[in-house]
Amino acid sequence: MQRINIGTFYSGSSFMHGLAAQTKIVSLLFFIAAEVCTQNLTGFVILSVPVFFSIVLSNTPLRLLFCGLKNTLIFLCVIFILNSLFYGTSGSLWSFGIIHITKDGIVQGLRIVCRIIHIVIASSIINATTAPKKISDALCRLLYPLRFFKIPIETFALMINIAVQFIPVILAETEKIISAQKMRGAFSDKKALLYGAKHRFRLHNVLQGKNILPLILPVFLTAFQRADELAIAMEARGYRGERKRKIPPEKKRLRDYAVMTGSVLCCFVAMLFFRSS
C-alpha cells in the first residue's frame, strides 16, 4: 500500500540513519519531556527547529510524515474543539449555556495540538530511519536494569517492536479486504458509487461512513491469523522468549554524543524558560 507508510523502515545513508538507535530513543524521550514542560507558544515555535532539522537530515519522504499527521487529524480537531469550548473561564470570547469559548481554551488547544504534531513527526522519523532489530536491541539495553527484578525485557521489547511493525501489515490487509468487498458489492451504496466514479476508492472514505461494518470481522480475523503465523515461524526458528541473550554493544560516534547533548540542553531550556504561559 503506497499511501499509508506508518511504521515502515526506509534504508538510507543520511545523518539520522547513521545515529545509534539508543541515541535516537533517548533523544526522543528528552524531546517529549521538553514538549511536556513547554507552556507558551514561543517555546513550541523554537522546538519546531530541531524537528525541521531532523526532517532535513533524515531524507524522510514527506508523504510519510503527512500520512502520520493525516491519520491523527480528526483526533487533533476534537482535542482543539473540546479545549476551546470547555477549558478556562477567563478571557471569554463567546458563551452559550455551558459552552464557553475562551482565549485560554484556544491557547491550551494549540499547545496540545503542537505537542502531538511534534511527537508524531519525531516518532515517524525514528521509525523510518531505524531498523526494527536495532530498535529492539536498543530497548533491551535501556531496560537492562530491570533484569535484576526478574522482568523479561527481551519479551517486552519484542512486543513493542512487533506492535509497531504490524501497523503497515494490518493496513495493507485492510486495503485488500476493501478491494475484495468492493468486488462483492459490499460498498454499492449511491454515495460510494458516485464518489468512485470521480476518485479512487480509499481507506479513509470507508472508515468515515457506515461501510465500516463489513470490514471489522475480516480485519480482526486477518490480524489473528497473521499473529498465529508469526508465532509458528518464531517457534520453528527456535525462538525462546525467556532465554537471556547477550545484546551486542552499539558503537557510538561523536555525532551521537552531540545529538544526546543537544536533546538534554533542549529539555533543560524548556524547563527553565518555557514553563510559564
C-alpha atoms as a PDB file:
ATOM      1  CA  MET A   1       0.000   0.000   0.000  1.00  0.00           C
ATOM      2  CA  GLN A   2       1.577   3.201  -1.179  1.00  0.00           C
ATOM      3  CA  ARG A   3      -0.417   5.842   0.659  1.00  0.00           C
ATOM      4  CA  ILE A   4      -0.059   4.689   4.271  1.00  0.00           C
ATOM      5  CA  ASN A   5       3.503   4.056   5.405  1.00  0.00           C
ATOM      6  CA  ILE A   6       3.284   4.180   9.192  1.00  0.00           C
ATOM      7  CA  GLY A   7       5.949   2.116  10.922  1.00  0.00           C
ATOM      8  CA  THR A   8       7.893   1.438   7.696  1.00  0.00           C
ATOM      9  CA  PHE A   9      11.693   1.461   7.722  1.00  0.00           C
ATOM     10  CA  TYR A  10      13.448   3.205   4.820  1.00  0.00           C
ATOM     11  CA  SER A  11      17.064   2.218   4.384  1.00  0.00           C
ATOM     12  CA  GLY A  12      19.474   5.015   3.595  1.00  0.00           C
ATOM     13  CA  SER A  13      22.743   6.716   4.472  1.00  0.00           C
ATOM     14  CA  SER A  14      21.551  10.016   5.920  1.00  0.00           C
ATOM     15  CA  PHE A  15      22.726  11.630   9.140  1.00  0.00           C
ATOM     16  CA  MET A  16      19.746  10.219  11.075  1.00  0.00           C
ATOM     17  CA  HIS A  17      20.348   6.737   9.664  1.00  0.00           C
ATOM     18  CA  GLY A  18      23.906   6.874  10.983  1.00  0.00           C
ATOM     19  CA  LEU A  19      22.885   7.620  14.560  1.00  0.00           C
ATOM     20  CA  ALA A  20      22.730   4.795  17.074  1.00  0.00           C
ATOM     21  CA  ALA A  21      19.230   3.530  17.828  1.00  0.00           C
ATOM     22  CA  GLN A  22      19.762   4.056  21.546  1.00  0.00           C
ATOM     23  CA  THR A  23      20.730   7.678  20.917  1.00  0.00           C
ATOM     24  CA  LYS A  24      17.555   8.311  18.935  1.00  0.00           C
ATOM     25  CA  ILE A  25      15.282   6.725  21.537  1.00  0.00           C
ATOM     26  CA  VAL A  26      16.858   8.611  24.451  1.00  0.00           C
ATOM     27  CA  SER A  27      16.800  11.873  22.481  1.00  0.00           C
ATOM     28  CA  LEU A  28      13.110  11.311  21.719  1.00  0.00           C
ATOM     29  CA  LEU A  29      12.383  10.847  25.428  1.00  0.00           C
ATOM     30  CA  PHE A  30      14.150  14.108  26.298  1.00  0.00           C
ATOM     31  CA  PHE A  31      12.334  15.842  23.449  1.00  0.00           C
ATOM     32  CA  ILE A  32       8.964  14.597  24.759  1.00  0.00           C
ATOM     33  CA  ALA A  33       9.926  15.878  28.218  1.00  0.00           C
ATOM     34  CA  ALA A  34      10.712  19.273  26.679  1.00  0.00           C
ATOM     35  CA  GLU A  35       7.336  19.281  24.916  1.00  0.00           C
ATOM     36  CA  VAL A  36       5.522  18.498  28.172  1.00  0.00           C
ATOM     37  CA  CYS A  37       7.382  21.246  30.047  1.00  0.00           C
ATOM     38  CA  THR A  38       6.717  23.873  27.382  1.00  0.00           C
ATOM     39  CA  GLN A  39       3.648  26.005  28.087  1.00  0.00           C
ATOM     40  CA  ASN A  40       3.940  29.037  25.800  1.00  0.00           C
ATOM     41  CA  LEU A  41       3.580  29.160  22.032  1.00  0.00           C
ATOM     42  CA  THR A  42       7.019  30.762  21.597  1.00  0.00           C
ATOM     43  CA  GLY A  43       8.570  27.629  23.068  1.00  0.00           C
ATOM     44  CA  PHE A  44       6.705  25.419  20.591  1.00  0.00           C
ATOM     45  CA  VAL A  45       7.967  27.553  17.714  1.00  0.00           C
ATOM     46  CA  ILE A  46      11.534  27.124  18.981  1.00  0.00           C
ATOM     47  CA  LEU A  47      11.026  23.370  19.448  1.00  0.00           C
ATOM     48  CA  SER A  48       9.967  23.208  15.810  1.00  0.00           C
ATOM     49  CA  VAL A  49      13.582  23.953  14.827  1.00  0.00           C
ATOM     50  CA  PRO A  50      15.024  20.544  15.863  1.00  0.00           C
ATOM     51  CA  VAL A  51      12.003  18.860  14.259  1.00  0.00           C
ATOM     52  CA  PHE A  52      12.701  20.671  10.993  1.00  0.00           C
ATOM     53  CA  PHE A  53      16.404  19.768  11.049  1.00  0.00           C
ATOM     54  CA  SER A  54      15.506  16.138  11.807  1.00  0.00           C
ATOM     55  CA  ILE A  55      13.320  16.038   8.699  1.00  0.00           C
ATOM     56  CA  VAL A  56      16.072  17.549   6.561  1.00  0.00           C
ATOM     57  CA  LEU A  57      18.845  15.321   7.961  1.00  0.00           C
ATOM     58  CA  SER A  58      16.815  12.116   7.652  1.00  0.00           C
ATOM     59  CA  ASN A  59      15.811  12.391   3.976  1.00  0.00           C
ATOM     60  CA  THR A  60      12.446  11.003   5.090  1.00  0.00           C
ATOM     61  CA  PRO A  61       9.714  11.060   2.426  1.00  0.00           C
ATOM     62  CA  LEU A  62       7.358  13.908   3.258  1.00  0.00           C
ATOM     63  CA  ARG A  63       4.365  11.730   2.395  1.00  0.00           C
ATOM     64  CA  LEU A  64       5.286   9.529   5.345  1.00  0.00           C
ATOM     65  CA  LEU A  65       5.015  12.472   7.723  1.00  0.00           C
ATOM     66  CA  PHE A  66       1.843  13.745   6.099  1.00  0.00           C
ATOM     67  CA  CYS A  67       0.261  10.288   6.384  1.00  0.00           C
ATOM     68  CA  GLY A  68       1.084  10.151  10.083  1.00  0.00           C
ATOM     69  CA  LEU A  69      -0.460  13.576  10.636  1.00  0.00           C
ATOM     70  CA  LYS A  70      -3.460  12.854   8.418  1.00  0.00           C
ATOM     71  CA  ASN A  71      -4.359   9.807  10.495  1.00  0.00           C
ATOM     72  CA  THR A  72      -4.430  11.979  13.649  1.00  0.00           C
ATOM     73  CA  LEU A  73      -6.205  14.937  12.041  1.00  0.00           C
ATOM     74  CA  ILE A  74      -9.662  14.094  13.411  1.00  0.00           C
ATOM     75  CA  PHE A  75      -8.213  13.488  16.873  1.00  0.00           C
ATOM     76  CA  LEU A  76      -6.387  16.836  16.773  1.00  0.00           C
ATOM     77  CA  CYS A  77      -9.533  18.666  15.705  1.00  0.00           C
ATOM     78  CA  VAL A  78     -11.570  17.066  18.504  1.00  0.00           C
ATOM     79  CA  ILE A  79      -8.917  17.945  21.114  1.00  0.00           C
ATOM     80  CA  PHE A  80      -8.727  21.548  19.922  1.00  0.00           C
ATOM     81  CA  ILE A  81     -12.519  21.987  19.864  1.00  0.00           C
ATOM     82  CA  LEU A  82     -13.025  20.456  23.321  1.00  0.00           C
ATOM     83  CA  ASN A  83     -10.346  22.646  24.867  1.00  0.00           C
ATOM     84  CA  SER A  84     -11.704  25.734  23.125  1.00  0.00           C
ATOM     85  CA  LEU A  85     -15.242  25.093  24.367  1.00  0.00           C
ATOM     86  CA  PHE A  86     -14.735  23.796  27.882  1.00  0.00           C
ATOM     87  CA  TYR A  87     -11.282  24.869  29.142  1.00  0.00           C
ATOM     88  CA  GLY A  88     -10.690  28.014  31.173  1.00  0.00           C
ATOM     89  CA  THR A  89     -13.009  30.721  32.430  1.00  0.00           C
ATOM     90  CA  SER A  90     -11.047  33.938  31.844  1.00  0.00           C
ATOM     91  CA  GLY A  91     -10.914  35.791  28.546  1.00  0.00           C
ATOM     92  CA  SER A  92     -14.368  34.664  27.384  1.00  0.00           C
ATOM     93  CA  LEU A  93     -14.964  35.333  23.676  1.00  0.00           C
ATOM     94  CA  TRP A  94     -18.417  33.745  23.285  1.00  0.00           C
ATOM     95  CA  SER A  95     -20.710  31.741  25.557  1.00  0.00           C
ATOM     96  CA  PHE A  96     -23.941  29.814  25.243  1.00  0.00           C
ATOM     97  CA  GLY A  97     -25.183  27.766  28.186  1.00  0.00           C
ATOM     98  CA  ILE A  98     -22.388  25.539  29.448  1.00  0.00           C
ATOM     99  CA  ILE A  99     -20.307  26.238  26.354  1.00  0.00           C
ATOM    100  CA  HIS A 100     -17.717  28.981  26.760  1.00  0.00           C
ATOM    101  CA  ILE A 101     -15.180  29.778  24.064  1.00  0.00           C
ATOM    102  CA  THR A 102     -12.280  31.373  25.909  1.00  0.00           C
ATOM    103  CA  LYS A 103      -8.872  32.647  24.969  1.00  0.00           C
ATOM    104  CA  ASP A 104      -7.281  30.288  27.496  1.00  0.00           C
ATOM    105  CA  GLY A 105      -9.097  27.347  25.921  1.00  0.00           C
ATOM    106  CA  ILE A 106      -7.870  28.208  22.419  1.00  0.00           C
ATOM    107  CA  VAL A 107      -4.294  28.606  23.662  1.00  0.00           C
ATOM    108  CA  GLN A 108      -4.489  25.304  25.556  1.00  0.00           C
ATOM    109  CA  GLY A 109      -5.857  23.558  22.465  1.00  0.00           C
ATOM    110  CA  LEU A 110      -2.993  24.935  20.377  1.00  0.00           C
ATOM    111  CA  ARG A 111      -0.481  23.691  22.978  1.00  0.00           C
ATOM    112  CA  ILE A 112      -1.780  20.134  22.874  1.00  0.00           C
ATOM    113  CA  VAL A 113      -2.024  20.126  19.073  1.00  0.00           C
ATOM    114  CA  CYS A 114       1.572  21.374  18.744  1.00  0.00           C
ATOM    115  CA  ARG A 115       2.806  18.732  21.183  1.00  0.00           C
ATOM    116  CA  ILE A 116       1.094  15.905  19.333  1.00  0.00           C
ATOM    117  CA  ILE A 117       2.289  17.090  15.910  1.00  0.00           C
ATOM    118  CA  HIS A 118       5.904  17.364  17.076  1.00  0.00           C
ATOM    119  CA  ILE A 119       5.863  13.967  18.802  1.00  0.00           C
ATOM    120  CA  VAL A 120       4.190  12.217  15.841  1.00  0.00           C
ATOM    121  CA  ILE A 121       6.739  13.639  13.386  1.00  0.00           C
ATOM    122  CA  ALA A 122       9.710  12.785  15.611  1.00  0.00           C
ATOM    123  CA  SER A 123       8.452   9.239  16.184  1.00  0.00           C
ATOM    124  CA  SER A 124       7.830   8.742  12.462  1.00  0.00           C
ATOM    125  CA  ILE A 125      11.380   9.849  11.670  1.00  0.00           C
ATOM    126  CA  ILE A 126      12.851   7.385  14.177  1.00  0.00           C
ATOM    127  CA  ASN A 127      10.750   4.525  12.806  1.00  0.00           C
ATOM    128  CA  ALA A 128      11.698   5.434   9.235  1.00  0.00           C
ATOM    129  CA  THR A 129      15.454   5.653   9.900  1.00  0.00           C
ATOM    130  CA  THR A 130      15.974   2.759  12.347  1.00  0.00           C
ATOM    131  CA  ALA A 131      15.797  -0.938  11.564  1.00  0.00           C
ATOM    132  CA  PRO A 132      13.329  -2.909  13.726  1.00  0.00           C
ATOM    133  CA  LYS A 133      16.033  -5.172  15.171  1.00  0.00           C
ATOM    134  CA  LYS A 134      18.114  -2.170  16.213  1.00  0.00           C
ATOM    135  CA  ILE A 135      15.110  -0.664  17.988  1.00  0.00           C
ATOM    136  CA  SER A 136      14.510  -3.927  19.841  1.00  0.00           C
ATOM    137  CA  ASP A 137      18.163  -4.218  20.894  1.00  0.00           C
ATOM    138  CA  ALA A 138      18.257  -0.565  21.977  1.00  0.00           C
ATOM    139  CA  LEU A 139      15.178  -1.058  24.149  1.00  0.00           C
ATOM    140  CA  CYS A 140      16.791  -4.114  25.731  1.00  0.00           C
ATOM    141  CA  ARG A 141      19.912  -2.122  26.548  1.00  0.00           C
ATOM    142  CA  LEU A 142      17.897   0.726  28.047  1.00  0.00           C
ATOM    143  CA  LEU A 143      15.773  -1.653  30.133  1.00  0.00           C
ATOM    144  CA  TYR A 144      18.693  -3.832  31.210  1.00  0.00           C
ATOM    145  CA  PRO A 145      18.486  -2.821  34.934  1.00  0.00           C
ATOM    146  CA  LEU A 146      15.005  -4.377  35.067  1.00  0.00           C
ATOM    147  CA  ARG A 147      16.593  -7.814  34.702  1.00  0.00           C
ATOM    148  CA  PHE A 148      17.554  -7.664  38.368  1.00  0.00           C
ATOM    149  CA  PHE A 149      13.802  -7.589  39.167  1.00  0.00           C
ATOM    150  CA  LYS A 150      13.181 -10.718  37.026  1.00  0.00           C
ATOM    151  CA  ILE A 151      11.327  -8.734  34.337  1.00  0.00           C
ATOM    152  CA  PRO A 152      11.619 -10.270  30.824  1.00  0.00           C
ATOM    153  CA  ILE A 153      12.876  -7.207  29.000  1.00  0.00           C
ATOM    154  CA  GLU A 154      13.528  -9.123  25.749  1.00  0.00           C
ATOM    155  CA  THR A 155       9.886 -10.145  25.551  1.00  0.00           C
ATOM    156  CA  PHE A 156       8.725  -6.621  26.372  1.00  0.00           C
ATOM    157  CA  ALA A 157      10.950  -5.057  23.692  1.00  0.00           C
ATOM    158  CA  LEU A 158       9.847  -7.657  21.152  1.00  0.00           C
ATOM    159  CA  MET A 159       6.176  -6.939  21.879  1.00  0.00           C
ATOM    160  CA  ILE A 160       6.665  -3.213  21.259  1.00  0.00           C
ATOM    161  CA  ASN A 161       8.615  -3.865  18.077  1.00  0.00           C
ATOM    162  CA  ILE A 162       6.041  -6.306  16.682  1.00  0.00           C
ATOM    163  CA  ALA A 163       3.163  -3.957  17.543  1.00  0.00           C
ATOM    164  CA  VAL A 164       4.771  -1.122  15.568  1.00  0.00           C
ATOM    165  CA  GLN A 165       5.651  -3.331  12.610  1.00  0.00           C
ATOM    166  CA  PHE A 166       2.148  -4.823  12.499  1.00  0.00           C
ATOM    167  CA  ILE A 167       0.587  -1.427  11.722  1.00  0.00           C
ATOM    168  CA  PRO A 168       1.515  -1.303   7.984  1.00  0.00           C
ATOM    169  CA  VAL A 169       0.751  -5.035   7.646  1.00  0.00           C
ATOM    170  CA  ILE A 170      -2.768  -4.659   9.040  1.00  0.00           C
ATOM    171  CA  LEU A 171      -3.397  -1.550   6.945  1.00  0.00           C
ATOM    172  CA  ALA A 172      -2.270  -3.390   3.812  1.00  0.00           C
ATOM    173  CA  GLU A 173      -4.589  -6.286   4.615  1.00  0.00           C
ATOM    174  CA  THR A 174      -7.421  -3.820   5.215  1.00  0.00           C
ATOM    175  CA  GLU A 175      -6.861  -2.350   1.762  1.00  0.00           C
ATOM    176  CA  LYS A 176      -7.055  -5.839   0.231  1.00  0.00           C
ATOM    177  CA  ILE A 177     -10.272  -6.582   2.121  1.00  0.00           C
ATOM    178  CA  ILE A 178     -11.791  -3.321   0.872  1.00  0.00           C
ATOM    179  CA  SER A 179     -10.975  -4.307  -2.715  1.00  0.00           C
ATOM    180  CA  ALA A 180     -12.484  -7.770  -2.174  1.00  0.00           C
ATOM    181  CA  GLN A 181     -15.628  -6.319  -0.590  1.00  0.00           C
ATOM    182  CA  LYS A 182     -15.979  -3.909  -3.482  1.00  0.00           C
ATOM    183  CA  MET A 183     -15.937  -6.827  -5.924  1.00  0.00           C
ATOM    184  CA  ARG A 184     -18.720  -8.462  -3.888  1.00  0.00           C
ATOM    185  CA  GLY A 185     -20.799  -5.290  -3.911  1.00  0.00           C
ATOM    186  CA  ALA A 186     -20.469  -4.539  -0.198  1.00  0.00           C
ATOM    187  CA  PHE A 187     -19.889  -0.848  -0.946  1.00  0.00           C
ATOM    188  CA  SER A 188     -22.602  -0.422  -3.524  1.00  0.00           C
ATOM    189  CA  ASP A 189     -24.460   2.475  -1.914  1.00  0.00           C
ATOM    190  CA  LYS A 190     -25.151   5.510  -4.054  1.00  0.00           C
ATOM    191  CA  LYS A 191     -22.671   7.765  -2.316  1.00  0.00           C
ATOM    192  CA  ALA A 192     -19.814   5.304  -2.752  1.00  0.00           C
ATOM    193  CA  LEU A 193     -20.672   4.769  -6.431  1.00  0.00           C
ATOM    194  CA  LEU A 194     -20.809   8.491  -7.136  1.00  0.00           C
ATOM    195  CA  TYR A 195     -17.502   9.011  -5.362  1.00  0.00           C
ATOM    196  CA  GLY A 196     -15.889   6.065  -7.116  1.00  0.00           C
ATOM    197  CA  ALA A 197     -16.854   7.480 -10.488  1.00  0.00           C
ATOM    198  CA  LYS A 198     -14.692  10.524  -9.876  1.00  0.00           C
ATOM    199  CA  HIS A 199     -11.946   9.364  -7.489  1.00  0.00           C
ATOM    200  CA  ARG A 200     -10.118   6.273  -6.396  1.00  0.00           C
ATOM    201  CA  PHE A 201     -11.744   4.377  -3.536  1.00  0.00           C
ATOM    202  CA  ARG A 202      -9.617   4.987  -0.443  1.00  0.00           C
ATOM    203  CA  LEU A 203      -9.463   3.601   3.050  1.00  0.00           C
ATOM    204  CA  HIS A 204     -10.441   6.756   4.927  1.00  0.00           C
ATOM    205  CA  ASN A 205     -13.574   7.197   2.788  1.00  0.00           C
ATOM    206  CA  VAL A 206     -14.836   3.847   4.026  1.00  0.00           C
ATOM    207  CA  LEU A 207     -13.933   4.483   7.652  1.00  0.00           C
ATOM    208  CA  GLN A 208     -15.901   7.734   7.654  1.00  0.00           C
ATOM    209  CA  GLY A 209     -19.248   6.067   6.866  1.00  0.00           C
ATOM    210  CA  LYS A 210     -21.426   3.104   7.672  1.00  0.00           C
ATOM    211  CA  ASN A 211     -19.391   0.858   5.339  1.00  0.00           C
ATOM    212  CA  ILE A 212     -17.030   0.054   8.202  1.00  0.00           C
ATOM    213  CA  LEU A 213     -19.263  -2.858   9.292  1.00  0.00           C
ATOM    214  CA  PRO A 214     -18.207  -5.298   6.507  1.00  0.00           C
ATOM    215  CA  LEU A 215     -14.550  -4.665   7.471  1.00  0.00           C
ATOM    216  CA  ILE A 216     -14.489  -5.310  11.202  1.00  0.00           C
ATOM    217  CA  LEU A 217     -14.684  -9.114  11.288  1.00  0.00           C
ATOM    218  CA  PRO A 218     -12.343  -9.811   8.310  1.00  0.00           C
ATOM    219  CA  VAL A 219      -9.712  -7.396   9.651  1.00  0.00           C
ATOM    220  CA  PHE A 220      -9.759  -8.992  13.116  1.00  0.00           C
ATOM    221  CA  LEU A 221      -9.567 -12.499  11.652  1.00  0.00           C
ATOM    222  CA  THR A 222      -6.670 -11.478   9.408  1.00  0.00           C
ATOM    223  CA  ALA A 223      -4.824  -9.912  12.335  1.00  0.00           C
ATOM    224  CA  PHE A 224      -5.184 -13.037  14.470  1.00  0.00           C
ATOM    225  CA  GLN A 225      -4.157 -15.234  11.555  1.00  0.00           C
ATOM    226  CA  ARG A 226      -1.021 -13.151  10.929  1.00  0.00           C
ATOM    227  CA  ALA A 227      -0.146 -13.256  14.636  1.00  0.00           C
ATOM    228  CA  ASP A 228      -0.564 -17.040  14.693  1.00  0.00           C
ATOM    229  CA  GLU A 229       1.628 -17.439  11.614  1.00  0.00           C
ATOM    230  CA  LEU A 230       4.286 -15.235  13.197  1.00  0.00           C
ATOM    231  CA  ALA A 231       4.230 -17.276  16.414  1.00  0.00           C
ATOM    232  CA  ILE A 232       4.601 -20.538  14.456  1.00  0.00           C
ATOM    233  CA  ALA A 233       7.501 -19.097  12.428  1.00  0.00           C
ATOM    234  CA  MET A 234       9.288 -17.913  15.593  1.00  0.00           C
ATOM    235  CA  GLU A 235       8.871 -21.313  17.258  1.00  0.00           C
ATOM    236  CA  ALA A 236      10.137 -23.079  14.109  1.00  0.00           C
ATOM    237  CA  ARG A 237      13.294 -20.959  14.259  1.00  0.00           C
ATOM    238  CA  GLY A 238      13.904 -21.862  17.888  1.00  0.00           C
ATOM    239  CA  TYR A 239      12.944 -18.575  19.498  1.00  0.00           C
ATOM    240  CA  ARG A 240      12.655 -18.732  23.281  1.00  0.00           C
ATOM    241  CA  GLY A 241      11.497 -15.510  24.914  1.00  0.00           C
ATOM    242  CA  GLU A 242      12.644 -16.466  28.390  1.00  0.00           C
ATOM    243  CA  ARG A 243      16.214 -17.185  27.341  1.00  0.00           C
ATOM    244  CA  LYS A 244      18.640 -14.401  28.196  1.00  0.00           C
ATOM    245  CA  ARG A 245      20.740 -13.482  25.211  1.00  0.00           C
ATOM    246  CA  LYS A 246      23.793 -11.289  25.107  1.00  0.00           C
ATOM    247  CA  ILE A 247      22.984  -7.995  23.445  1.00  0.00           C
ATOM    248  CA  PRO A 248      25.931  -6.681  21.431  1.00  0.00           C
ATOM    249  CA  PRO A 249      27.009  -3.137  22.358  1.00  0.00           C
ATOM    250  CA  GLU A 250      26.165  -0.391  19.902  1.00  0.00           C
ATOM    251  CA  LYS A 251      29.061   1.699  18.709  1.00  0.00           C
ATOM    252  CA  LYS A 252      28.578   5.411  19.313  1.00  0.00           C
ATOM    253  CA  ARG A 253      30.359   8.182  17.478  1.00  0.00           C
ATOM    254  CA  LEU A 254      30.849  11.888  18.038  1.00  0.00           C
ATOM    255  CA  ARG A 255      27.555  12.705  16.335  1.00  0.00           C
ATOM    256  CA  ASP A 256      25.690  10.521  18.833  1.00  0.00           C
ATOM    257  CA  TYR A 257      27.104  12.391  21.812  1.00  0.00           C
ATOM    258  CA  ALA A 258      26.387  15.724  20.100  1.00  0.00           C
ATOM    259  CA  VAL A 259      22.739  14.810  19.488  1.00  0.00           C
ATOM    260  CA  MET A 260      22.363  13.478  23.025  1.00  0.00           C
ATOM    261  CA  THR A 261      23.830  16.675  24.493  1.00  0.00           C
ATOM    262  CA  GLY A 262      21.566  18.798  22.319  1.00  0.00           C
ATOM    263  CA  SER A 263      18.440  16.919  23.437  1.00  0.00           C
ATOM    264  CA  VAL A 264      19.391  17.285  27.109  1.00  0.00           C
ATOM    265  CA  LEU A 265      20.019  21.016  26.665  1.00  0.00           C
ATOM    266  CA  CYS A 266      16.719  21.361  24.837  1.00  0.00           C
ATOM    267  CA  CYS A 267      14.917  19.735  27.769  1.00  0.00           C
ATOM    268  CA  PHE A 268      16.613  21.965  30.358  1.00  0.00           C
ATOM    269  CA  VAL A 269      15.949  25.141  28.341  1.00  0.00           C
ATOM    270  CA  ALA A 270      12.272  24.202  28.095  1.00  0.00           C
ATOM    271  CA  MET A 271      12.111  23.569  31.850  1.00  0.00           C
ATOM    272  CA  LEU A 272      13.779  26.894  32.686  1.00  0.00           C
ATOM    273  CA  PHE A 273      12.336  29.352  30.166  1.00  0.00           C
ATOM    274  CA  PHE A 274       9.190  27.924  28.555  1.00  0.00           C
ATOM    275  CA  ARG A 275       7.214  26.709  31.556  1.00  0.00           C
ATOM    276  CA  SER A 276       5.307  29.960  32.029  1.00  0.00           C
ATOM    277  CA  SER A 277       2.445  30.593  29.642  1.00  0.00           C
END
